[in-house]
Amino acid sequence: MKFLCMGYFDPKKMNARPKEEIDAVMRECQPHLEEFYKSGQVLIDAGLDLETKSIRRVNGKVAVIDGPFVETKEMIGSAFLIEAQDMEEAIRVASLHPTTQVGAGEQLGWGIEIRPIHYFEQKK
């Protein structure tokens, strides 16, 4: 079974920290990422840029909106796809991700949402 995991952060908390501090936190993530990958269950891992566009159908046409569609105190900063037998195993694997392993993540509002995928098709 596949699970989509989205890593969230609090942009206000992240932006309040000096760049050097954030860079140090990101370096602290590296050994945890290596352990995460060693599980052999990570299919895709992606860090996301802050620039976003939202699209939706409005009055019969596709409308493009800059930024997140809704105001939120959390933004998605990463997404990863894992293979697991069930939600319990998905939680165990996702818990290896730096989001839950790095101490500063708590102060920066880091968290992970785990969602089972009911439809998945991979095109080559």
PDB file of N, CA and C in Angstrom:
ATOM      1  N   MET A   1       0.851  -1.172   0.000  1.00  0.00           N
ATOM      2  CA  MET A   1       0.000   0.000   0.000  1.00  0.00           C
ATOM      3  C   MET A   1       0.898   1.238   0.000  1.00  0.00           C
ATOM      4  N   LYS A   2       0.471   2.256  -0.737  1.00  0.00           N
ATOM      5  CA  LYS A   2       1.255   3.491  -0.803  1.00  0.00           C
ATOM      6  C   LYS A   2       0.612   4.580   0.058  1.00  0.00           C
ATOM      7  N   PHE A   3       1.486   5.430   0.612  1.00  0.00           N
ATOM      8  CA  PHE A   3       1.041   6.535   1.458  1.00  0.00           C
ATOM      9  C   PHE A   3       1.738   7.813   1.013  1.00  0.00           C
ATOM     10  N   LEU A   4       0.964   8.872   0.882  1.00  0.00           N
ATOM     11  CA  LEU A   4       1.521  10.194   0.601  1.00  0.00           C
ATOM     12  C   LEU A   4       1.702  10.904   1.935  1.00  0.00           C
ATOM     13  N   CYS A   5       2.909  11.378   2.161  1.00  0.00           N
ATOM     14  CA  CYS A   5       3.217  12.088   3.401  1.00  0.00           C
ATOM     15  C   CYS A   5       3.609  13.514   3.048  1.00  0.00           C
ATOM     16  N   MET A   6       3.034  14.463   3.752  1.00  0.00           N
ATOM     17  CA  MET A   6       3.331  15.875   3.505  1.00  0.00           C
ATOM     18  C   MET A   6       3.915  16.482   4.767  1.00  0.00           C
ATOM     19  N   GLY A   7       5.093  17.066   4.612  1.00  0.00           N
ATOM     20  CA  GLY A   7       5.775  17.704   5.730  1.00  0.00           C
ATOM     21  C   GLY A   7       5.404  19.172   5.802  1.00  0.00           C
ATOM     22  N   TYR A   8       4.911  19.589   6.947  1.00  0.00           N
ATOM     23  CA  TYR A   8       4.461  20.965   7.148  1.00  0.00           C
ATOM     24  C   TYR A   8       5.427  21.746   8.021  1.00  0.00           C
ATOM     25  N   PHE A   9       5.391  23.067   7.870  1.00  0.00           N
ATOM     26  CA  PHE A   9       6.162  23.955   8.743  1.00  0.00           C
ATOM     27  C   PHE A   9       5.373  25.232   8.959  1.00  0.00           C
ATOM     28  N   ASP A  10       5.727  25.971   9.994  1.00  0.00           N
ATOM     29  CA  ASP A  10       5.102  27.257  10.299  1.00  0.00           C
ATOM     30  C   ASP A  10       5.974  28.348   9.687  1.00  0.00           C
ATOM     31  N   PRO A  11       5.513  29.012   8.609  1.00  0.00           N
ATOM     32  CA  PRO A  11       6.358  30.005   7.933  1.00  0.00           C
ATOM     33  C   PRO A  11       6.730  31.190   8.823  1.00  0.00           C
ATOM     34  N   LYS A  12       5.857  31.578   9.738  1.00  0.00           N
ATOM     35  CA  LYS A  12       6.191  32.695  10.635  1.00  0.00           C
ATOM     36  C   LYS A  12       7.363  32.326  11.537  1.00  0.00           C
ATOM     37  N   LYS A  13       7.331  31.108  12.049  1.00  0.00           N
ATOM     38  CA  LYS A  13       8.423  30.662  12.920  1.00  0.00           C
ATOM     39  C   LYS A  13       9.722  30.489  12.139  1.00  0.00           C
ATOM     40  N   MET A  14       9.627  29.955  10.929  1.00  0.00           N
ATOM     41  CA  MET A  14      10.831  29.772  10.107  1.00  0.00           C
ATOM     42  C   MET A  14      11.424  31.123   9.712  1.00  0.00           C
ATOM     43  N   ASN A  15      10.569  32.056   9.296  1.00  0.00           N
ATOM     44  CA  ASN A  15      11.047  33.369   8.845  1.00  0.00           C
ATOM     45  C   ASN A  15      11.604  34.214   9.985  1.00  0.00           C
ATOM     46  N   ALA A  16      11.227  33.896  11.221  1.00  0.00           N
ATOM     47  CA  ALA A  16      11.708  34.661  12.378  1.00  0.00           C
ATOM     48  C   ALA A  16      13.142  34.276  12.762  1.00  0.00           C
ATOM     49  N   ARG A  17      13.642  33.185  12.205  1.00  0.00           N
ATOM     50  CA  ARG A  17      14.987  32.704  12.538  1.00  0.00           C
ATOM     51  C   ARG A  17      16.000  33.196  11.514  1.00  0.00           C
ATOM     52  N   PRO A  18      17.228  33.475  11.947  1.00  0.00           N
ATOM     53  CA  PRO A  18      18.267  33.877  10.993  1.00  0.00           C
ATOM     54  C   PRO A  18      18.576  32.735  10.016  1.00  0.00           C
ATOM     55  N   LYS A  19      18.950  33.098   8.807  1.00  0.00           N
ATOM     56  CA  LYS A  19      19.260  32.116   7.766  1.00  0.00           C
ATOM     57  C   LYS A  19      20.308  31.111   8.242  1.00  0.00           C
ATOM     58  N   GLU A  20      21.307  31.580   8.956  1.00  0.00           N
ATOM     59  CA  GLU A  20      22.374  30.694   9.434  1.00  0.00           C
ATOM     60  C   GLU A  20      21.817  29.599  10.350  1.00  0.00           C
ATOM     61  N   GLU A  21      20.847  29.966  11.170  1.00  0.00           N
ATOM     62  CA  GLU A  21      20.245  28.990  12.080  1.00  0.00           C
ATOM     63  C   GLU A  21      19.460  27.941  11.298  1.00  0.00           C
ATOM     64  N   ILE A  22      18.691  28.394  10.310  1.00  0.00           N
ATOM     65  CA  ILE A  22      17.913  27.464   9.479  1.00  0.00           C
ATOM     66  C   ILE A  22      18.858  26.549   8.702  1.00  0.00           C
ATOM     67  N   ASP A  23      19.941  27.113   8.159  1.00  0.00           N
ATOM     68  CA  ASP A  23      20.930  26.299   7.437  1.00  0.00           C
ATOM     69  C   ASP A  23      21.511  25.218   8.347  1.00  0.00           C
ATOM     70  N   ALA A  24      21.791  25.572   9.596  1.00  0.00           N
ATOM     71  CA  ALA A  24      22.329  24.601  10.557  1.00  0.00           C
ATOM     72  C   ALA A  24      21.307  23.494  10.833  1.00  0.00           C
ATOM     73  N   VAL A  25      20.043  23.857  10.942  1.00  0.00           N
ATOM     74  CA  VAL A  25      18.984  22.864  11.167  1.00  0.00           C
ATOM     75  C   VAL A  25      18.909  21.922   9.965  1.00  0.00           C
ATOM     76  N   MET A  26      19.002  22.476   8.760  1.00  0.00           N
ATOM     77  CA  MET A  26      18.941  21.645   7.552  1.00  0.00           C
ATOM     78  C   MET A  26      20.124  20.667   7.503  1.00  0.00           C
ATOM     79  N   ARG A  27      21.293  21.115   7.920  1.00  0.00           N
ATOM     80  CA  ARG A  27      22.455  20.212   7.976  1.00  0.00           C
ATOM     81  C   ARG A  27      22.218  19.094   8.995  1.00  0.00           C
ATOM     82  N   GLU A  28      21.546  19.432  10.076  1.00  0.00           N
ATOM     83  CA  GLU A  28      21.232  18.437  11.107  1.00  0.00           C
ATOM     84  C   GLU A  28      20.274  17.366  10.575  1.00  0.00           C
ATOM     85  N   CYS A  29      19.519  17.706   9.547  1.00  0.00           N
ATOM     86  CA  CYS A  29      18.557  16.767   8.956  1.00  0.00           C
ATOM     87  C   CYS A  29      19.239  15.631   8.195  1.00  0.00           C
ATOM     88  N   GLN A  30      20.411  15.881   7.621  1.00  0.00           N
ATOM     89  CA  GLN A  30      21.043  14.939   6.694  1.00  0.00           C
ATOM     90  C   GLN A  30      21.208  13.518   7.238  1.00  0.00           C
ATOM     91  N   PRO A  31      21.776  13.328   8.434  1.00  0.00           N
ATOM     92  CA  PRO A  31      21.916  11.943   8.910  1.00  0.00           C
ATOM     93  C   PRO A  31      20.571  11.245   9.113  1.00  0.00           C
ATOM     94  N   HIS A  32      19.552  12.015   9.463  1.00  0.00           N
ATOM     95  CA  HIS A  32      18.217  11.430   9.639  1.00  0.00           C
ATOM     96  C   HIS A  32      17.628  11.027   8.292  1.00  0.00           C
ATOM     97  N   LEU A  33      17.893  11.824   7.253  1.00  0.00           N
ATOM     98  CA  LEU A  33      17.435  11.456   5.909  1.00  0.00           C
ATOM     99  C   LEU A  33      18.067  10.137   5.477  1.00  0.00           C
ATOM    100  N   GLU A  34      19.340   9.962   5.765  1.00  0.00           N
ATOM    101  CA  GLU A  34      20.025   8.722   5.393  1.00  0.00           C
ATOM    102  C   GLU A  34      19.363   7.517   6.060  1.00  0.00           C
ATOM    103  N   GLU A  35      19.016   7.645   7.333  1.00  0.00           N
ATOM    104  CA  GLU A  35      18.319   6.557   8.041  1.00  0.00           C
ATOM    105  C   GLU A  35      16.934   6.321   7.442  1.00  0.00           C
ATOM    106  N   PHE A  36      16.248   7.401   7.121  1.00  0.00           N
ATOM    107  CA  PHE A  36      14.923   7.342   6.500  1.00  0.00           C
ATOM    108  C   PHE A  36      14.999   6.553   5.190  1.00  0.00           C
ATOM    109  N   TYR A  37      15.986   6.861   4.354  1.00  0.00           N
ATOM    110  CA  TYR A  37      16.143   6.176   3.067  1.00  0.00           C
ATOM    111  C   TYR A  37      16.536   4.708   3.245  1.00  0.00           C
ATOM    112  N   LYS A  38      17.295   4.411   4.289  1.00  0.00           N
ATOM    113  CA  LYS A  38      17.735   3.030   4.536  1.00  0.00           C
ATOM    114  C   LYS A  38      16.562   2.092   4.791  1.00  0.00           C
ATOM    115  N   SER A  39      15.410   2.632   5.156  1.00  0.00           N
ATOM    116  CA  SER A  39      14.237   1.787   5.389  1.00  0.00           C
ATOM    117  C   SER A  39      13.870   1.011   4.130  1.00  0.00           C
ATOM    118  N   GLY A  40      14.257   1.540   2.959  1.00  0.00           N
ATOM    119  CA  GLY A  40      13.922   0.902   1.693  1.00  0.00           C
ATOM    120  C   GLY A  40      12.469   1.083   1.293  1.00  0.00           C
ATOM    121  N   GLN A  41      11.735   1.883   2.037  1.00  0.00           N
ATOM    122  CA  GLN A  41      10.308   2.048   1.772  1.00  0.00           C
ATOM    123  C   GLN A  41       9.962   3.427   1.210  1.00  0.00           C
ATOM    124  N   VAL A  42      10.973   4.261   1.006  1.00  0.00           N
ATOM    125  CA  VAL A  42      10.750   5.599   0.458  1.00  0.00           C
ATOM    126  C   VAL A  42      10.817   5.499  -1.062  1.00  0.00           C
ATOM    127  N   LEU A  43       9.710   5.778  -1.731  1.00  0.00           N
ATOM    128  CA  LEU A  43       9.652   5.698  -3.187  1.00  0.00           C
ATOM    129  C   LEU A  43      10.044   7.020  -3.833  1.00  0.00           C
ATOM    130  N   ILE A  44       9.608   8.116  -3.240  1.00  0.00           N
ATOM    131  CA  ILE A  44       9.873   9.467  -3.746  1.00  0.00           C
ATOM    132  C   ILE A  44      10.015  10.382  -2.537  1.00  0.00           C
ATOM    133  N   ASP A  45      10.967  11.304  -2.599  1.00  0.00           N
ATOM    134  CA  ASP A  45      11.117  12.319  -1.548  1.00  0.00           C
ATOM    135  C   ASP A  45      11.406  13.639  -2.239  1.00  0.00           C
ATOM    136  N   ALA A  46      10.663  14.680  -1.887  1.00  0.00           N
ATOM    137  CA  ALA A  46      10.826  15.979  -2.547  1.00  0.00           C
ATOM    138  C   ALA A  46      10.721  17.114  -1.544  1.00  0.00           C
ATOM    139  N   GLY A  47      11.674  18.038  -1.626  1.00  0.00           N
ATOM    140  CA  GLY A  47      11.588  19.293  -0.882  1.00  0.00           C
ATOM    141  C   GLY A  47      10.942  20.318  -1.800  1.00  0.00           C
ATOM    142  N   LEU A  48      10.005  21.066  -1.293  1.00  0.00           N
ATOM    143  CA  LEU A  48       9.229  21.979  -2.132  1.00  0.00           C
ATOM    144  C   LEU A  48       9.680  23.418  -1.979  1.00  0.00           C
ATOM    145  N   ASP A  49       9.643  24.151  -3.087  1.00  0.00           N
ATOM    146  CA  ASP A  49       9.947  25.570  -3.098  1.00  0.00           C
ATOM    147  C   ASP A  49       8.782  26.325  -2.455  1.00  0.00           C
ATOM    148  N   LEU A  50       9.021  27.537  -2.027  1.00  0.00           N
ATOM    149  CA  LEU A  50       7.963  28.324  -1.383  1.00  0.00           C
ATOM    150  C   LEU A  50       6.977  28.925  -2.380  1.00  0.00           C
ATOM    151  N   GLU A  51       7.408  29.115  -3.627  1.00  0.00           N
ATOM    152  CA  GLU A  51       6.510  29.698  -4.630  1.00  0.00           C
ATOM    153  C   GLU A  51       5.393  28.706  -4.951  1.00  0.00           C
ATOM    154  N   THR A  52       4.156  29.194  -4.943  1.00  0.00           N
ATOM    155  CA  THR A  52       3.024  28.330  -5.264  1.00  0.00           C
ATOM    156  C   THR A  52       2.059  29.032  -6.201  1.00  0.00           C
ATOM    157  N   LYS A  53       1.320  28.240  -6.917  1.00  0.00           N
ATOM    158  CA  LYS A  53       0.189  28.687  -7.723  1.00  0.00           C
ATOM    159  C   LYS A  53      -0.956  27.739  -7.403  1.00  0.00           C
ATOM    160  N   SER A  54      -2.140  28.265  -7.319  1.00  0.00           N
ATOM    161  CA  SER A  54      -3.335  27.445  -7.143  1.00  0.00           C
ATOM    162  C   SER A  54      -4.175  27.605  -8.394  1.00  0.00           C
ATOM    163  N   ILE A  55      -4.746  26.512  -8.863  1.00  0.00           N
ATOM    164  CA  ILE A  55      -5.640  26.604 -10.010  1.00  0.00           C
ATOM    165  C   ILE A  55      -6.973  25.977  -9.639  1.00  0.00           C
ATOM    166  N   ARG A  56      -8.024  26.533 -10.207  1.00  0.00           N
ATOM    167  CA  ARG A  56      -9.359  25.976 -10.029  1.00  0.00           C
ATOM    168  C   ARG A  56     -10.251  26.482 -11.144  1.00  0.00           C
ATOM    169  N   ARG A  57     -11.334  25.808 -11.347  1.00  0.00           N
ATOM    170  CA  ARG A  57     -12.282  26.190 -12.383  1.00  0.00           C
ATOM    171  C   ARG A  57     -13.206  27.257 -11.807  1.00  0.00           C
ATOM    172  N   VAL A  58     -13.264  28.413 -12.500  1.00  0.00           N
ATOM    173  CA  VAL A  58     -14.120  29.526 -12.092  1.00  0.00           C
ATOM    174  C   VAL A  58     -14.855  30.027 -13.335  1.00  0.00           C
ATOM    175  N   ASN A  59     -16.173  30.028 -13.289  1.00  0.00           N
ATOM    176  CA  ASN A  59     -16.991  30.474 -14.419  1.00  0.00           C
ATOM    177  C   ASN A  59     -16.615  29.766 -15.714  1.00  0.00           C
ATOM    178  N   GLY A  60     -16.389  28.467 -15.631  1.00  0.00           N
ATOM    179  CA  GLY A  60     -16.110  27.671 -16.814  1.00  0.00           C
ATOM    180  C   GLY A  60     -14.686  27.753 -17.334  1.00  0.00           C
ATOM    181  N   LYS A  61     -13.813  28.467 -16.644  1.00  0.00           N
ATOM    182  CA  LYS A  61     -12.423  28.603 -17.089  1.00  0.00           C
ATOM    183  C   LYS A  61     -11.479  28.282 -15.933  1.00  0.00           C
ATOM    184  N   VAL A  62     -10.245  27.962 -16.289  1.00  0.00           N
ATOM    185  CA  VAL A  62      -9.234  27.700 -15.268  1.00  0.00           C
ATOM    186  C   VAL A  62      -8.665  29.030 -14.795  1.00  0.00           C
ATOM    187  N   ALA A  63      -8.759  29.280 -13.501  1.00  0.00           N
ATOM    188  CA  ALA A  63      -8.211  30.503 -12.905  1.00  0.00           C
ATOM    189  C   ALA A  63      -6.925  30.140 -12.169  1.00  0.00           C
ATOM    190  N   VAL A  64      -5.914  30.992 -12.307  1.00  0.00           N
ATOM    191  CA  VAL A  64      -4.626  30.794 -11.645  1.00  0.00           C
ATOM    192  C   VAL A  64      -4.478  31.855 -10.564  1.00  0.00           C
ATOM    193  N   ILE A  65      -4.140  31.418  -9.365  1.00  0.00           N
ATOM    194  CA  ILE A  65      -4.010  32.322  -8.218  1.00  0.00           C
ATOM    195  C   ILE A  65      -2.602  32.169  -7.657  1.00  0.00           C
ATOM    196  N   ASP A  66      -1.922  33.280  -7.424  1.00  0.00           N
ATOM    197  CA  ASP A  66      -0.596  33.233  -6.806  1.00  0.00           C
ATOM    198  C   ASP A  66      -0.728  32.855  -5.346  1.00  0.00           C
ATOM    199  N   GLY A  67       0.208  32.046  -4.884  1.00  0.00           N
ATOM    200  CA  GLY A  67       0.257  31.709  -3.466  1.00  0.00           C
ATOM    201  C   GLY A  67      -0.728  30.630  -3.092  1.00  0.00           C
ATOM    202  N   PRO A  68      -0.706  30.233  -1.823  1.00  0.00           N
ATOM    203  CA  PRO A  68      -1.648  29.221  -1.353  1.00  0.00           C
ATOM    204  C   PRO A  68      -3.075  29.736  -1.494  1.00  0.00           C
ATOM    205  N   PHE A  69      -3.990  28.818  -1.754  1.00  0.00           N
ATOM    206  CA  PHE A  69      -5.378  29.221  -1.954  1.00  0.00           C
ATOM    207  C   PHE A  69      -6.002  29.768  -0.681  1.00  0.00           C
ATOM    208  N   VAL A  70      -5.666  29.175   0.435  1.00  0.00           N
ATOM    209  CA  VAL A  70      -6.236  29.633   1.704  1.00  0.00           C
ATOM    210  C   VAL A  70      -5.125  30.109   2.619  1.00  0.00           C
ATOM    211  N   GLU A  71      -5.448  31.068   3.474  1.00  0.00           N
ATOM    212  CA  GLU A  71      -4.493  31.500   4.506  1.00  0.00           C
ATOM    213  C   GLU A  71      -4.340  30.356   5.488  1.00  0.00           C
ATOM    214  N   THR A  72      -3.135  30.064   5.812  1.00  0.00           N
ATOM    215  CA  THR A  72      -2.888  28.969   6.737  1.00  0.00           C
ATOM    216  C   THR A  72      -1.674  29.276   7.584  1.00  0.00           C
ATOM    217  N   LYS A  73      -1.637  28.715   8.770  1.00  0.00           N
ATOM    218  CA  LYS A  73      -0.455  28.928   9.601  1.00  0.00           C
ATOM    219  C   LYS A  73       0.607  27.888   9.298  1.00  0.00           C
ATOM    220  N   GLU A  74       0.272  26.885   8.480  1.00  0.00           N
ATOM    221  CA  GLU A  74       1.238  25.874   8.081  1.00  0.00           C
ATOM    222  C   GLU A  74       1.328  25.809   6.563  1.00  0.00           C
ATOM    223  N   MET A  75       2.540  25.560   6.073  1.00  0.00           N
ATOM    224  CA  MET A  75       2.754  25.372   4.640  1.00  0.00           C
ATOM    225  C   MET A  75       3.408  24.014   4.422  1.00  0.00           C
ATOM    226  N   ILE A  76       3.173  23.435   3.249  1.00  0.00           N
ATOM    227  CA  ILE A  76       3.821  22.175   2.904  1.00  0.00           C
ATOM    228  C   ILE A  76       5.233  22.488   2.419  1.00  0.00           C
ATOM    229  N   GLY A  77       6.214  21.869   3.046  1.00  0.00           N
ATOM    230  CA  GLY A  77       7.606  22.086   2.663  1.00  0.00           C
ATOM    231  C   GLY A  77       8.245  20.859   2.039  1.00  0.00           C
ATOM    232  N   SER A  78       7.596  19.707   2.216  1.00  0.00           N
ATOM    233  CA  SER A  78       8.123  18.483   1.621  1.00  0.00           C
ATOM    234  C   SER A  78       6.978  17.515   1.373  1.00  0.00           C
ATOM    235  N   ALA A  79       7.230  16.591   0.475  1.00  0.00           N
ATOM    236  CA  ALA A  79       6.265  15.530   0.201  1.00  0.00           C
ATOM    237  C   ALA A  79       7.058  14.264  -0.087  1.00  0.00           C
ATOM    238  N   PHE A  80       6.572  13.153   0.419  1.00  0.00           N
ATOM    239  CA  PHE A  80       7.234  11.895   0.103  1.00  0.00           C
ATOM    240  C   PHE A  80       6.209  10.779   0.020  1.00  0.00           C
ATOM    241  N   LEU A  81       6.558   9.800  -0.781  1.00  0.00           N
ATOM    242  CA  LEU A  81       5.704   8.652  -1.020  1.00  0.00           C
ATOM    243  C   LEU A  81       6.404   7.436  -0.431  1.00  0.00           C
ATOM    244  N   ILE A  82       5.678   6.689   0.395  1.00  0.00           N
ATOM    245  CA  ILE A  82       6.272   5.494   0.995  1.00  0.00           C
ATOM    246  C   ILE A  82       5.390   4.282   0.727  1.00  0.00           C
ATOM    247  N   GLU A  83       6.005   3.119   0.802  1.00  0.00           N
ATOM    248  CA  GLU A  83       5.310   1.841   0.676  1.00  0.00           C
ATOM    249  C   GLU A  83       5.268   1.222   2.068  1.00  0.00           C
ATOM    250  N   ALA A  84       4.078   0.806   2.502  1.00  0.00           N
ATOM    251  CA  ALA A  84       3.929   0.192   3.821  1.00  0.00           C
ATOM    252  C   ALA A  84       2.740  -0.765   3.797  1.00  0.00           C
ATOM    253  N   GLN A  85       2.738  -1.715   4.716  1.00  0.00           N
ATOM    254  CA  GLN A  85       1.647  -2.690   4.792  1.00  0.00           C
ATOM    255  C   GLN A  85       0.337  -2.054   5.248  1.00  0.00           C
ATOM    256  N   ASP A  86       0.437  -1.091   6.175  1.00  0.00           N
ATOM    257  CA  ASP A  86      -0.755  -0.470   6.740  1.00  0.00           C
ATOM    258  C   ASP A  86      -0.372   0.880   7.352  1.00  0.00           C
ATOM    259  N   MET A  87      -1.346   1.577   7.914  1.00  0.00           N
ATOM    260  CA  MET A  87      -1.101   2.902   8.489  1.00  0.00           C
ATOM    261  C   MET A  87      -0.089   2.832   9.630  1.00  0.00           C
ATOM    262  N   GLU A  88      -0.167   1.795  10.434  1.00  0.00           N
ATOM    263  CA  GLU A  88       0.769   1.663  11.555  1.00  0.00           C
ATOM    264  C   GLU A  88       2.219   1.626  11.055  1.00  0.00           C
ATOM    265  N   GLU A  89       2.467   0.845  10.017  1.00  0.00           N
ATOM    266  CA  GLU A  89       3.821   0.777   9.463  1.00  0.00           C
ATOM    267  C   GLU A  89       4.191   2.092   8.780  1.00  0.00           C
ATOM    268  N   ALA A  90       3.230   2.736   8.121  1.00  0.00           N
ATOM    269  CA  ALA A  90       3.488   4.033   7.485  1.00  0.00           C
ATOM    270  C   ALA A  90       3.908   5.065   8.528  1.00  0.00           C
ATOM    271  N   ILE A  91       3.264   5.044   9.670  1.00  0.00           N
ATOM    272  CA  ILE A  91       3.629   5.963  10.760  1.00  0.00           C
ATOM    273  C   ILE A  91       5.055   5.676  11.229  1.00  0.00           C
ATOM    274  N   ARG A  92       5.394   4.393  11.365  1.00  0.00           N
ATOM    275  CA  ARG A  92       6.747   4.029  11.799  1.00  0.00           C
ATOM    276  C   ARG A  92       7.794   4.542  10.803  1.00  0.00           C
ATOM    277  N   VAL A  93       7.550   4.345   9.509  1.00  0.00           N
ATOM    278  CA  VAL A  93       8.503   4.786   8.483  1.00  0.00           C
ATOM    279  C   VAL A  93       8.572   6.309   8.439  1.00  0.00           C
ATOM    280  N   ALA A  94       7.423   6.974   8.412  1.00  0.00           N
ATOM    281  CA  ALA A  94       7.399   8.445   8.352  1.00  0.00           C
ATOM    282  C   ALA A  94       8.068   9.057   9.578  1.00  0.00           C
ATOM    283  N   SER A  95       8.011   8.357  10.702  1.00  0.00           N
ATOM    284  CA  SER A  95       8.639   8.859  11.930  1.00  0.00           C
ATOM    285  C   SER A  95      10.160   8.910  11.839  1.00  0.00           C
ATOM    286  N   LEU A  96      10.743   8.250  10.850  1.00  0.00           N
ATOM    287  CA  LEU A  96      12.189   8.307  10.633  1.00  0.00           C
ATOM    288  C   LEU A  96      12.608   9.599   9.928  1.00  0.00           C
ATOM    289  N   HIS A  97      11.644  10.279   9.311  1.00  0.00           N
ATOM    290  CA  HIS A  97      11.930  11.519   8.571  1.00  0.00           C
ATOM    291  C   HIS A  97      12.446  12.590   9.537  1.00  0.00           C
ATOM    292  N   PRO A  98      13.366  13.460   9.075  1.00  0.00           N
ATOM    293  CA  PRO A  98      13.906  14.512   9.949  1.00  0.00           C
ATOM    294  C   PRO A  98      12.849  15.392  10.614  1.00  0.00           C
ATOM    295  N   THR A  99      11.690  15.520   9.995  1.00  0.00           N
ATOM    296  CA  THR A  99      10.625  16.346  10.570  1.00  0.00           C
ATOM    297  C   THR A  99      10.341  15.971  12.017  1.00  0.00           C
ATOM    298  N   THR A 100      10.395  14.677  12.315  1.00  0.00           N
ATOM    299  CA  THR A 100      10.100  14.224  13.678  1.00  0.00           C
ATOM    300  C   THR A 100      11.351  13.902  14.487  1.00  0.00           C
ATOM    301  N   GLN A 101      12.514  13.939  13.867  1.00  0.00           N
ATOM    302  CA  GLN A 101      13.754  13.542  14.538  1.00  0.00           C
ATOM    303  C   GLN A 101      14.613  14.714  15.000  1.00  0.00           C
ATOM    304  N   VAL A 102      14.514  15.854  14.320  1.00  0.00           N
ATOM    305  CA  VAL A 102      15.358  17.011  14.636  1.00  0.00           C
ATOM    306  C   VAL A 102      14.664  17.852  15.705  1.00  0.00           C
ATOM    307  N   GLY A 103      15.365  18.121  16.800  1.00  0.00           N
ATOM    308  CA  GLY A 103      14.779  18.851  17.924  1.00  0.00           C
ATOM    309  C   GLY A 103      14.220  20.207  17.559  1.00  0.00           C
ATOM    310  N   ALA A 104      14.893  20.940  16.679  1.00  0.00           N
ATOM    311  CA  ALA A 104      14.430  22.280  16.303  1.00  0.00           C
ATOM    312  C   ALA A 104      13.108  22.240  15.548  1.00  0.00           C
ATOM    313  N   GLY A 105      12.763  21.083  14.989  1.00  0.00           N
ATOM    314  CA  GLY A 105      11.512  20.970  14.246  1.00  0.00           C
ATOM    315  C   GLY A 105      10.295  21.327  15.077  1.00  0.00           C
ATOM    316  N   GLU A 106      10.347  21.003  16.348  1.00  0.00           N
ATOM    317  CA  GLU A 106       9.226  21.325  17.240  1.00  0.00           C
ATOM    318  C   GLU A 106       9.036  22.834  17.348  1.00  0.00           C
ATOM    319  N   GLN A 107      10.137  23.578  17.503  1.00  0.00           N
ATOM    320  CA  GLN A 107      10.048  25.041  17.613  1.00  0.00           C
ATOM    321  C   GLN A 107       9.679  25.698  16.281  1.00  0.00           C
ATOM    322  N   LEU A 108       9.924  24.995  15.168  1.00  0.00           N
ATOM    323  CA  LEU A 108       9.639  25.558  13.845  1.00  0.00           C
ATOM    324  C   LEU A 108       8.286  25.115  13.302  1.00  0.00           C
ATOM    325  N   GLY A 109       7.534  24.382  14.105  1.00  0.00           N
ATOM    326  CA  GLY A 109       6.188  23.976  13.703  1.00  0.00           C
ATOM    327  C   GLY A 109       6.166  22.857  12.675  1.00  0.00           C
ATOM    328  N   TRP A 110       7.177  21.994  12.681  1.00  0.00           N
ATOM    329  CA  TRP A 110       7.231  20.910  11.713  1.00  0.00           C
ATOM    330  C   TRP A 110       6.267  19.795  12.093  1.00  0.00           C
ATOM    331  N   GLY A 111       5.652  19.186  11.106  1.00  0.00           N
ATOM    332  CA  GLY A 111       4.771  18.047  11.312  1.00  0.00           C
ATOM    333  C   GLY A 111       4.581  17.302  10.003  1.00  0.00           C
ATOM    334  N   ILE A 112       4.043  16.104  10.078  1.00  0.00           N
ATOM    335  CA  ILE A 112       3.805  15.280   8.889  1.00  0.00           C
ATOM    336  C   ILE A 112       2.360  14.808   8.885  1.00  0.00           C
ATOM    337  N   GLU A 113       1.712  14.948   7.736  1.00  0.00           N
ATOM    338  CA  GLU A 113       0.386  14.367   7.510  1.00  0.00           C
ATOM    339  C   GLU A 113       0.584  13.129   6.646  1.00  0.00           C
ATOM    340  N   ILE A 114      -0.026  12.022   7.030  1.00  0.00           N
ATOM    341  CA  ILE A 114       0.101  10.755   6.307  1.00  0.00           C
ATOM    342  C   ILE A 114      -1.271  10.380   5.761  1.00  0.00           C
ATOM    343  N   ARG A 115      -1.330  10.150   4.440  1.00  0.00           N
ATOM    344  CA  ARG A 115      -2.616   9.804   3.824  1.00  0.00           C
ATOM    345  C   ARG A 115      -2.471   8.568   2.950  1.00  0.00           C
ATOM    346  N   PRO A 116      -3.317   7.564   3.163  1.00  0.00           N
ATOM    347  CA  PRO A 116      -3.292   6.391   2.283  1.00  0.00           C
ATOM    348  C   PRO A 116      -3.701   6.799   0.867  1.00  0.00           C
ATOM    349  N   ILE A 117      -3.080   6.184  -0.115  1.00  0.00           N
ATOM    350  CA  ILE A 117      -3.419   6.460  -1.516  1.00  0.00           C
ATOM    351  C   ILE A 117      -4.345   5.349  -1.989  1.00  0.00           C
ATOM    352  N   HIS A 118      -5.511   5.721  -2.488  1.00  0.00           N
ATOM    353  CA  HIS A 118      -6.449   4.703  -2.964  1.00  0.00           C
ATOM    354  C   HIS A 118      -6.358   4.509  -4.471  1.00  0.00           C
ATOM    355  N   TYR A 119      -5.671   5.424  -5.173  1.00  0.00           N
ATOM    356  CA  TYR A 119      -5.476   5.286  -6.618  1.00  0.00           C
ATOM    357  C   TYR A 119      -4.084   5.787  -6.956  1.00  0.00           C
ATOM    358  N   PHE A 120      -3.319   4.977  -7.676  1.00  0.00           N
ATOM    359  CA  PHE A 120      -1.968   5.377  -8.051  1.00  0.00           C
ATOM    360  C   PHE A 120      -1.659   4.768  -9.405  1.00  0.00           C
ATOM    361  N   GLU A 121      -1.293   5.607 -10.352  1.00  0.00           N
ATOM    362  CA  GLU A 121      -0.872   5.134 -11.663  1.00  0.00           C
ATOM    363  C   GLU A 121       0.389   5.887 -12.034  1.00  0.00           C
ATOM    364  N   GLN A 122       1.405   5.152 -12.414  1.00  0.00           N
ATOM    365  CA  GLN A 122       2.679   5.769 -12.776  1.00  0.00           C
ATOM    366  C   GLN A 122       2.855   5.672 -14.282  1.00  0.00           C
ATOM    367  N   LYS A 123       2.986   6.810 -14.933  1.00  0.00           N
ATOM    368  CA  LYS A 123       3.208   6.873 -16.376  1.00  0.00           C
ATOM    369  C   LYS A 123       4.691   7.005 -16.637  1.00  0.00           C
ATOM    370  N   LYS A 124       5.174   6.357 -17.660  1.00  0.00           N
ATOM    371  CA  LYS A 124       6.595   6.478 -18.011  1.00  0.00           C
ATOM    372  C   LYS A 124       6.773   7.382 -19.185  1.00  0.00           C
TER     373      LYS A 124
END
